[in-house]
Amino acid sequence: MKKLTHLNEDGKVNMVDVGDKAVTKRTAKAQALVILSEEVLSLFENNDVQTKKGPVFQTAVIAGIMASKKTSELIPLCHPIGLNKCNVSVRLNENREVEIIAEASIHSKTGVEMEALTAASVAALTVYDMVKSFGHDIEIRHIRLLEKTGGKSDFKAS
């Protein structure tokens, strides 16, 4: 039976010791979807909308990247790491949802899943913040890991 990695032998919370792990290339890709009303969607031209606060999608990209670099400050047991890369894309998909994809990579002893998930989450929250003045009928859905490579195992969502 698998055990939770963030619990020690006494069942108390602890930070995982990655000291003996091998340094490998590790990548992660995460997604978040933001569902907007048709009224708000009608404001979008050329795959973005300008608000008093600025361009929604471009601002969300910057927020996601900034958040990925602060993950260990937000999630208590995450290791502070120096990312090699974090890319965030924001677009209207074929279902007229705001689709956010965050990708992170590093050569390290620990993975970057939390950094990618944090980037996608904060980018989604930024979209919410930027358009809430047009209406609060906004949903953030499907924040999930799409894939990861490196470490003990690879993962790809089905």
C-alpha atoms as a PDB file:
ATOM      1  CA  MET A   1       0.000   0.000   0.000  1.00  0.00           C
ATOM      2  CA  LYS A   2       1.261   3.469  -0.897  1.00  0.00           C
ATOM      3  CA  LYS A   3       1.755   5.956   1.890  1.00  0.00           C
ATOM      4  CA  LEU A   4       1.405   9.708   1.822  1.00  0.00           C
ATOM      5  CA  THR A   5       4.820  11.195   1.177  1.00  0.00           C
ATOM      6  CA  HIS A   6       4.250  14.285   3.299  1.00  0.00           C
ATOM      7  CA  LEU A   7       3.690  12.294   6.487  1.00  0.00           C
ATOM      8  CA  ASN A   8       6.565  10.933   8.553  1.00  0.00           C
ATOM      9  CA  GLU A   9       6.608   7.575  10.344  1.00  0.00           C
ATOM     10  CA  ASP A  10       4.699   9.151  13.261  1.00  0.00           C
ATOM     11  CA  GLY A  11       1.959  10.413  10.940  1.00  0.00           C
ATOM     12  CA  LYS A  12       3.048  14.023  11.289  1.00  0.00           C
ATOM     13  CA  VAL A  13       3.356  16.448   8.395  1.00  0.00           C
ATOM     14  CA  ASN A  14       6.845  16.945   7.037  1.00  0.00           C
ATOM     15  CA  MET A  15       8.657  18.164   3.952  1.00  0.00           C
ATOM     16  CA  VAL A  16       9.818  15.317   1.737  1.00  0.00           C
ATOM     17  CA  ASP A  17      13.584  14.775   1.779  1.00  0.00           C
ATOM     18  CA  VAL A  18      14.711  14.896  -1.851  1.00  0.00           C
ATOM     19  CA  GLY A  19      18.417  14.862  -0.974  1.00  0.00           C
ATOM     20  CA  ASP A  20      19.061  11.356  -2.308  1.00  0.00           C
ATOM     21  CA  LYS A  21      16.982  11.722  -5.480  1.00  0.00           C
ATOM     22  CA  ALA A  22      18.667  12.020  -8.851  1.00  0.00           C
ATOM     23  CA  VAL A  23      18.656  15.302 -10.733  1.00  0.00           C
ATOM     24  CA  THR A  24      16.619  14.753 -13.889  1.00  0.00           C
ATOM     25  CA  LYS A  25      14.733  16.905 -16.344  1.00  0.00           C
ATOM     26  CA  ARG A  26      11.201  17.292 -15.025  1.00  0.00           C
ATOM     27  CA  THR A  27       8.270  18.840 -16.838  1.00  0.00           C
ATOM     28  CA  ALA A  28       4.615  19.408 -16.086  1.00  0.00           C
ATOM     29  CA  LYS A  29       1.606  20.718 -17.976  1.00  0.00           C
ATOM     30  CA  ALA A  30      -1.578  21.852 -16.231  1.00  0.00           C
ATOM     31  CA  GLN A  31      -4.931  23.217 -17.376  1.00  0.00           C
ATOM     32  CA  ALA A  32      -7.694  25.424 -16.037  1.00  0.00           C
ATOM     33  CA  LEU A  33     -10.933  26.427 -17.753  1.00  0.00           C
ATOM     34  CA  VAL A  34     -12.852  29.633 -17.126  1.00  0.00           C
ATOM     35  CA  ILE A  35     -16.492  29.623 -18.158  1.00  0.00           C
ATOM     36  CA  LEU A  36     -17.908  33.062 -18.983  1.00  0.00           C
ATOM     37  CA  SER A  37     -21.402  34.223 -19.853  1.00  0.00           C
ATOM     38  CA  GLU A  38     -22.242  34.908 -23.495  1.00  0.00           C
ATOM     39  CA  GLU A  39     -22.493  38.593 -22.580  1.00  0.00           C
ATOM     40  CA  VAL A  40     -18.892  38.660 -21.411  1.00  0.00           C
ATOM     41  CA  LEU A  41     -17.709  36.465 -24.286  1.00  0.00           C
ATOM     42  CA  SER A  42     -19.218  38.954 -26.753  1.00  0.00           C
ATOM     43  CA  LEU A  43     -16.665  41.518 -25.543  1.00  0.00           C
ATOM     44  CA  PHE A  44     -13.735  39.449 -26.783  1.00  0.00           C
ATOM     45  CA  GLU A  45     -12.123  40.487 -30.058  1.00  0.00           C
ATOM     46  CA  ASN A  46      -9.013  38.892 -31.525  1.00  0.00           C
ATOM     47  CA  ASN A  47      -8.972  36.391 -28.647  1.00  0.00           C
ATOM     48  CA  ASP A  48      -8.635  39.004 -25.866  1.00  0.00           C
ATOM     49  CA  VAL A  49     -10.556  41.861 -24.268  1.00  0.00           C
ATOM     50  CA  GLN A  50      -9.265  45.192 -23.022  1.00  0.00           C
ATOM     51  CA  THR A  51     -10.578  46.312 -19.621  1.00  0.00           C
ATOM     52  CA  LYS A  52      -9.801  49.306 -17.430  1.00  0.00           C
ATOM     53  CA  LYS A  53      -7.206  47.067 -15.769  1.00  0.00           C
ATOM     54  CA  GLY A  54      -5.586  46.150 -19.104  1.00  0.00           C
ATOM     55  CA  PRO A  55      -5.667  43.231 -21.557  1.00  0.00           C
ATOM     56  CA  VAL A  56      -7.236  40.214 -19.838  1.00  0.00           C
ATOM     57  CA  PHE A  57      -5.299  37.341 -21.401  1.00  0.00           C
ATOM     58  CA  GLN A  58      -1.908  39.051 -21.383  1.00  0.00           C
ATOM     59  CA  THR A  59      -2.354  39.993 -17.733  1.00  0.00           C
ATOM     60  CA  ALA A  60      -3.360  36.404 -16.879  1.00  0.00           C
ATOM     61  CA  VAL A  61      -0.202  35.085 -18.588  1.00  0.00           C
ATOM     62  CA  ILE A  62       2.025  37.352 -16.513  1.00  0.00           C
ATOM     63  CA  ALA A  63       0.136  36.504 -13.301  1.00  0.00           C
ATOM     64  CA  GLY A  64       0.471  32.767 -13.961  1.00  0.00           C
ATOM     65  CA  ILE A  65       4.201  32.988 -14.566  1.00  0.00           C
ATOM     66  CA  MET A  66       4.714  35.127 -11.469  1.00  0.00           C
ATOM     67  CA  ALA A  67       2.656  32.704  -9.363  1.00  0.00           C
ATOM     68  CA  SER A  68       4.627  29.676 -10.547  1.00  0.00           C
ATOM     69  CA  LYS A  69       7.767  31.280  -9.139  1.00  0.00           C
ATOM     70  CA  LYS A  70       6.043  31.782  -5.750  1.00  0.00           C
ATOM     71  CA  THR A  71       4.573  28.277  -5.395  1.00  0.00           C
ATOM     72  CA  SER A  72       6.685  27.297  -2.387  1.00  0.00           C
ATOM     73  CA  GLU A  73       5.490  30.452  -0.601  1.00  0.00           C
ATOM     74  CA  LEU A  74       1.847  29.490  -1.193  1.00  0.00           C
ATOM     75  CA  ILE A  75       1.843  25.695  -0.768  1.00  0.00           C
ATOM     76  CA  PRO A  76       3.415  24.900   2.613  1.00  0.00           C
ATOM     77  CA  LEU A  77       5.351  21.701   1.815  1.00  0.00           C
ATOM     78  CA  CYS A  78       6.573  22.538  -1.700  1.00  0.00           C
ATOM     79  CA  HIS A  79      10.297  22.856  -2.156  1.00  0.00           C
ATOM     80  CA  PRO A  80      11.574  26.242  -3.310  1.00  0.00           C
ATOM     81  CA  ILE A  81      12.984  25.668  -6.781  1.00  0.00           C
ATOM     82  CA  GLY A  82      14.524  27.719  -9.577  1.00  0.00           C
ATOM     83  CA  LEU A  83      12.405  27.052 -12.639  1.00  0.00           C
ATOM     84  CA  ASN A  84      14.092  26.707 -15.994  1.00  0.00           C
ATOM     85  CA  LYS A  85      10.895  27.654 -17.790  1.00  0.00           C
ATOM     86  CA  CYS A  86       7.259  28.491 -17.248  1.00  0.00           C
ATOM     87  CA  ASN A  87       4.970  29.228 -20.179  1.00  0.00           C
ATOM     88  CA  VAL A  88       1.318  30.118 -19.831  1.00  0.00           C
ATOM     89  CA  SER A  89      -1.110  30.336 -22.737  1.00  0.00           C
ATOM     90  CA  VAL A  90      -4.621  31.746 -22.531  1.00  0.00           C
ATOM     91  CA  ARG A  91      -7.132  31.474 -25.358  1.00  0.00           C
ATOM     92  CA  LEU A  92     -10.759  30.947 -26.192  1.00  0.00           C
ATOM     93  CA  ASN A  93     -11.121  27.293 -27.170  1.00  0.00           C
ATOM     94  CA  GLU A  94     -13.605  25.706 -29.579  1.00  0.00           C
ATOM     95  CA  ASN A  95     -16.164  25.391 -26.741  1.00  0.00           C
ATOM     96  CA  ARG A  96     -15.915  29.158 -26.078  1.00  0.00           C
ATOM     97  CA  GLU A  97     -14.221  28.534 -22.758  1.00  0.00           C
ATOM     98  CA  VAL A  98     -11.138  30.406 -21.657  1.00  0.00           C
ATOM     99  CA  GLU A  99      -8.524  27.653 -21.725  1.00  0.00           C
ATOM    100  CA  ILE A 100      -5.354  28.143 -19.741  1.00  0.00           C
ATOM    101  CA  ILE A 101      -2.378  25.849 -20.241  1.00  0.00           C
ATOM    102  CA  ALA A 102       0.671  26.219 -18.018  1.00  0.00           C
ATOM    103  CA  GLU A 103       3.920  24.370 -18.678  1.00  0.00           C
ATOM    104  CA  ALA A 104       6.920  24.295 -16.375  1.00  0.00           C
ATOM    105  CA  SER A 105      10.310  22.588 -16.518  1.00  0.00           C
ATOM    106  CA  ILE A 106      13.421  22.208 -14.423  1.00  0.00           C
ATOM    107  CA  HIS A 107      16.480  19.999 -13.995  1.00  0.00           C
ATOM    108  CA  SER A 108      16.078  19.073 -10.351  1.00  0.00           C
ATOM    109  CA  LYS A 109      15.495  16.437  -7.680  1.00  0.00           C
ATOM    110  CA  THR A 110      11.814  17.412  -7.413  1.00  0.00           C
ATOM    111  CA  GLY A 111       9.008  17.881  -9.901  1.00  0.00           C
ATOM    112  CA  VAL A 112       7.187  20.956 -11.132  1.00  0.00           C
ATOM    113  CA  GLU A 113       3.565  19.777 -11.039  1.00  0.00           C
ATOM    114  CA  MET A 114       2.636  22.214  -8.294  1.00  0.00           C
ATOM    115  CA  GLU A 115       4.261  25.104 -10.162  1.00  0.00           C
ATOM    116  CA  ALA A 116       2.280  24.332 -13.319  1.00  0.00           C
ATOM    117  CA  LEU A 117      -0.964  23.891 -11.343  1.00  0.00           C
ATOM    118  CA  THR A 118      -0.354  27.129  -9.444  1.00  0.00           C
ATOM    119  CA  ALA A 119       0.319  29.010 -12.675  1.00  0.00           C
ATOM    120  CA  ALA A 120      -2.910  27.726 -14.264  1.00  0.00           C
ATOM    121  CA  SER A 121      -4.941  28.461 -11.122  1.00  0.00           C
ATOM    122  CA  VAL A 122      -3.693  32.009 -10.641  1.00  0.00           C
ATOM    123  CA  ALA A 123      -4.070  32.768 -14.347  1.00  0.00           C
ATOM    124  CA  ALA A 124      -7.716  31.612 -14.086  1.00  0.00           C
ATOM    125  CA  LEU A 125      -8.276  33.753 -10.990  1.00  0.00           C
ATOM    126  CA  THR A 126      -6.770  36.702 -12.850  1.00  0.00           C
ATOM    127  CA  VAL A 127      -9.223  36.252 -15.737  1.00  0.00           C
ATOM    128  CA  TYR A 128     -12.009  36.241 -13.123  1.00  0.00           C
ATOM    129  CA  ASP A 129     -10.679  39.405 -11.521  1.00  0.00           C
ATOM    130  CA  MET A 130     -10.291  41.178 -14.852  1.00  0.00           C
ATOM    131  CA  VAL A 131     -13.856  40.498 -16.093  1.00  0.00           C
ATOM    132  CA  LYS A 132     -15.908  40.395 -12.881  1.00  0.00           C
ATOM    133  CA  SER A 133     -17.026  43.996 -13.442  1.00  0.00           C
ATOM    134  CA  PHE A 134     -19.027  42.682 -16.432  1.00  0.00           C
ATOM    135  CA  GLY A 135     -20.783  40.070 -14.286  1.00  0.00           C
ATOM    136  CA  HIS A 136     -20.043  37.495 -11.617  1.00  0.00           C
ATOM    137  CA  ASP A 137     -21.516  34.553 -13.529  1.00  0.00           C
ATOM    138  CA  ILE A 138     -18.034  33.056 -13.939  1.00  0.00           C
ATOM    139  CA  GLU A 139     -16.876  29.524 -13.189  1.00  0.00           C
ATOM    140  CA  ILE A 140     -13.368  28.144 -12.874  1.00  0.00           C
ATOM    141  CA  ARG A 141     -13.308  24.429 -13.705  1.00  0.00           C
ATOM    142  CA  HIS A 142     -11.054  21.504 -14.398  1.00  0.00           C
ATOM    143  CA  ILE A 143      -7.856  22.664 -12.782  1.00  0.00           C
ATOM    144  CA  ARG A 144      -5.837  19.543 -13.394  1.00  0.00           C
ATOM    145  CA  LEU A 145      -2.493  18.091 -14.272  1.00  0.00           C
ATOM    146  CA  LEU A 146      -2.404  17.098 -17.938  1.00  0.00           C
ATOM    147  CA  GLU A 147       1.015  15.492 -17.940  1.00  0.00           C
ATOM    148  CA  LYS A 148       4.337  15.239 -16.168  1.00  0.00           C
ATOM    149  CA  THR A 149       7.695  13.722 -17.003  1.00  0.00           C
ATOM    150  CA  GLY A 150      10.782  12.950 -14.965  1.00  0.00           C
ATOM    151  CA  GLY A 151      11.282  11.509 -11.534  1.00  0.00           C
ATOM    152  CA  LYS A 152       9.943   8.057 -10.613  1.00  0.00           C
ATOM    153  CA  SER A 153       7.161   8.028 -13.187  1.00  0.00           C
ATOM    154  CA  ASP A 154       5.588   9.864 -16.079  1.00  0.00           C
ATOM    155  CA  PHE A 155       1.888  10.724 -16.229  1.00  0.00           C
ATOM    156  CA  LYS A 156      -0.506  11.683 -19.002  1.00  0.00           C
ATOM    157  CA  ALA A 157      -4.175  12.442 -18.308  1.00  0.00           C
ATOM    158  CA  SER A 158      -6.672  10.457 -20.323  1.00  0.00           C
END
